[in-house]
Structure formats: C-alpha cells, structure tokens
Amino acid sequence: MNQDRFAGIWKQVRGKVKGRWGELTHDPRAVIAGTRDQLAGRIQEGYGISKDVAERQLKEFLHRNRNWDLSHH
C-alpha cells in the first residue's frame, strides 16, 4: 500500500470522528467538514493520489455541483 492510499484511509477515519463530534455537539459545520474529509480520503485512497490532488478534485466537483448537500450524504 502506498503512502497516499494510507493517508486517504487515515483522512476517512478522521472525517468520521469529526462528523460524529459535530452530531454530538449539534454543529452542522463540523458534520459537513467530516463528510468532506471522508470524501477526500476516499478519492485519495481509491486513486492513490496526493492529498492536494484529491482536495482539488473534490473542490472542483462541489463547485460544479453546487446544489449537492454534504450534510445529507
């Protein structure tokens, strides 16, 4: 397993924790941030790309799909 894939898995775990913390504290921004981290981690793990590339791809996707709601996925 290369380093980028491992980093992607770790980012997913951190995102899940961040999202759960947001649910417990009723902080929707933390829930969304956790979901975003999980998505970026999945991209990074799945394609074995760097964190920066995964973040850029996710940012571009969300820009193109502005109506897509991270809090419900």
C-alpha atoms as a PDB file:
ATOM      1  CA  MET A   1       0.000   0.000   0.000  1.00  0.00           C
ATOM      2  CA  ASN A   2       1.490   3.325  -0.960  1.00  0.00           C
ATOM      3  CA  GLN A   3       1.670   6.307   1.354  1.00  0.00           C
ATOM      4  CA  ASP A   4      -1.104   8.252  -0.423  1.00  0.00           C
ATOM      5  CA  ARG A   5      -3.570   5.379  -0.043  1.00  0.00           C
ATOM      6  CA  PHE A   6      -2.765   5.038   3.654  1.00  0.00           C
ATOM      7  CA  ALA A   7      -3.138   8.792   4.116  1.00  0.00           C
ATOM      8  CA  GLY A   8      -6.541   8.566   2.423  1.00  0.00           C
ATOM      9  CA  ILE A   9      -7.692   5.860   4.828  1.00  0.00           C
ATOM     10  CA  TRP A  10      -6.489   7.919   7.787  1.00  0.00           C
ATOM     11  CA  LYS A  11      -8.319  11.014   6.455  1.00  0.00           C
ATOM     12  CA  GLN A  12     -11.530   8.979   6.248  1.00  0.00           C
ATOM     13  CA  VAL A  13     -11.177   7.907   9.884  1.00  0.00           C
ATOM     14  CA  ARG A  14     -10.541  11.489  10.985  1.00  0.00           C
ATOM     15  CA  GLY A  15     -13.547  12.615   8.946  1.00  0.00           C
ATOM     16  CA  LYS A  16     -15.814  10.074  10.637  1.00  0.00           C
ATOM     17  CA  VAL A  17     -14.659  11.244  14.063  1.00  0.00           C
ATOM     18  CA  LYS A  18     -15.121  14.892  13.094  1.00  0.00           C
ATOM     19  CA  GLY A  19     -18.617  14.166  11.779  1.00  0.00           C
ATOM     20  CA  ARG A  20     -19.644  12.267  14.896  1.00  0.00           C
ATOM     21  CA  TRP A  21     -18.332  15.099  17.070  1.00  0.00           C
ATOM     22  CA  GLY A  22     -20.434  17.519  15.041  1.00  0.00           C
ATOM     23  CA  GLU A  23     -23.512  15.364  15.586  1.00  0.00           C
ATOM     24  CA  LEU A  24     -22.884  15.166  19.325  1.00  0.00           C
ATOM     25  CA  THR A  25     -22.338  18.918  19.645  1.00  0.00           C
ATOM     26  CA  HIS A  26     -25.090  19.796  17.146  1.00  0.00           C
ATOM     27  CA  ASP A  27     -22.566  21.605  14.954  1.00  0.00           C
ATOM     28  CA  PRO A  28     -23.595  21.212  11.308  1.00  0.00           C
ATOM     29  CA  ARG A  29     -20.332  22.761  10.087  1.00  0.00           C
ATOM     30  CA  ALA A  30     -18.344  20.006  11.808  1.00  0.00           C
ATOM     31  CA  VAL A  31     -20.631  17.355  10.291  1.00  0.00           C
ATOM     32  CA  ILE A  32     -20.095  18.807   6.808  1.00  0.00           C
ATOM     33  CA  ALA A  33     -16.340  19.133   7.366  1.00  0.00           C
ATOM     34  CA  GLY A  34     -16.213  15.495   8.472  1.00  0.00           C
ATOM     35  CA  THR A  35     -18.129  14.359   5.405  1.00  0.00           C
ATOM     36  CA  ARG A  36     -15.858  16.407   3.156  1.00  0.00           C
ATOM     37  CA  ASP A  37     -12.779  14.842   4.774  1.00  0.00           C
ATOM     38  CA  GLN A  38     -14.221  11.371   4.264  1.00  0.00           C
ATOM     39  CA  LEU A  39     -14.899  12.056   0.583  1.00  0.00           C
ATOM     40  CA  ALA A  40     -11.423  13.461   0.010  1.00  0.00           C
ATOM     41  CA  GLY A  41      -9.962  10.447   1.815  1.00  0.00           C
ATOM     42  CA  ARG A  42     -11.920   8.047  -0.380  1.00  0.00           C
ATOM     43  CA  ILE A  43     -10.693   9.808  -3.508  1.00  0.00           C
ATOM     44  CA  GLN A  44      -7.120   9.750  -2.227  1.00  0.00           C
ATOM     45  CA  GLU A  45      -7.296   6.083  -1.249  1.00  0.00           C
ATOM     46  CA  GLY A  46      -9.132   4.928  -4.353  1.00  0.00           C
ATOM     47  CA  TYR A  47      -6.818   6.542  -6.850  1.00  0.00           C
ATOM     48  CA  GLY A  48      -3.592   6.595  -4.838  1.00  0.00           C
ATOM     49  CA  ILE A  49      -3.183  10.329  -5.427  1.00  0.00           C
ATOM     50  CA  SER A  50      -1.790  13.043  -3.201  1.00  0.00           C
ATOM     51  CA  LYS A  51      -3.863  14.938  -0.658  1.00  0.00           C
ATOM     52  CA  ASP A  52      -3.618  18.132  -2.705  1.00  0.00           C
ATOM     53  CA  VAL A  53      -4.896  16.476  -5.874  1.00  0.00           C
ATOM     54  CA  ALA A  54      -7.769  14.792  -4.007  1.00  0.00           C
ATOM     55  CA  GLU A  55      -8.763  18.066  -2.342  1.00  0.00           C
ATOM     56  CA  ARG A  56      -8.642  19.875  -5.696  1.00  0.00           C
ATOM     57  CA  GLN A  57     -10.802  17.225  -7.367  1.00  0.00           C
ATOM     58  CA  LEU A  58     -13.363  17.393  -4.563  1.00  0.00           C
ATOM     59  CA  LYS A  59     -13.388  21.207  -4.657  1.00  0.00           C
ATOM     60  CA  GLU A  60     -13.944  21.144  -8.432  1.00  0.00           C
ATOM     61  CA  PHE A  61     -16.765  18.592  -8.051  1.00  0.00           C
ATOM     62  CA  LEU A  62     -18.516  20.639  -5.385  1.00  0.00           C
ATOM     63  CA  HIS A  63     -18.117  23.795  -7.471  1.00  0.00           C
ATOM     64  CA  ARG A  64     -19.715  22.116 -10.493  1.00  0.00           C
ATOM     65  CA  ASN A  65     -22.486  20.606  -8.340  1.00  0.00           C
ATOM     66  CA  ARG A  66     -23.338  23.497  -6.040  1.00  0.00           C
ATOM     67  CA  ASN A  67     -26.725  22.052  -5.087  1.00  0.00           C
ATOM     68  CA  TRP A  68     -25.156  18.855  -3.743  1.00  0.00           C
ATOM     69  CA  ASP A  69     -25.650  18.852   0.041  1.00  0.00           C
ATOM     70  CA  LEU A  70     -22.782  17.259   2.022  1.00  0.00           C
ATOM     71  CA  SER A  71     -24.830  17.104   5.211  1.00  0.00           C
ATOM     72  CA  HIS A  72     -27.219  14.512   3.786  1.00  0.00           C
ATOM     73  CA  HIS A  73     -24.781  12.103   2.076  1.00  0.00           C
END
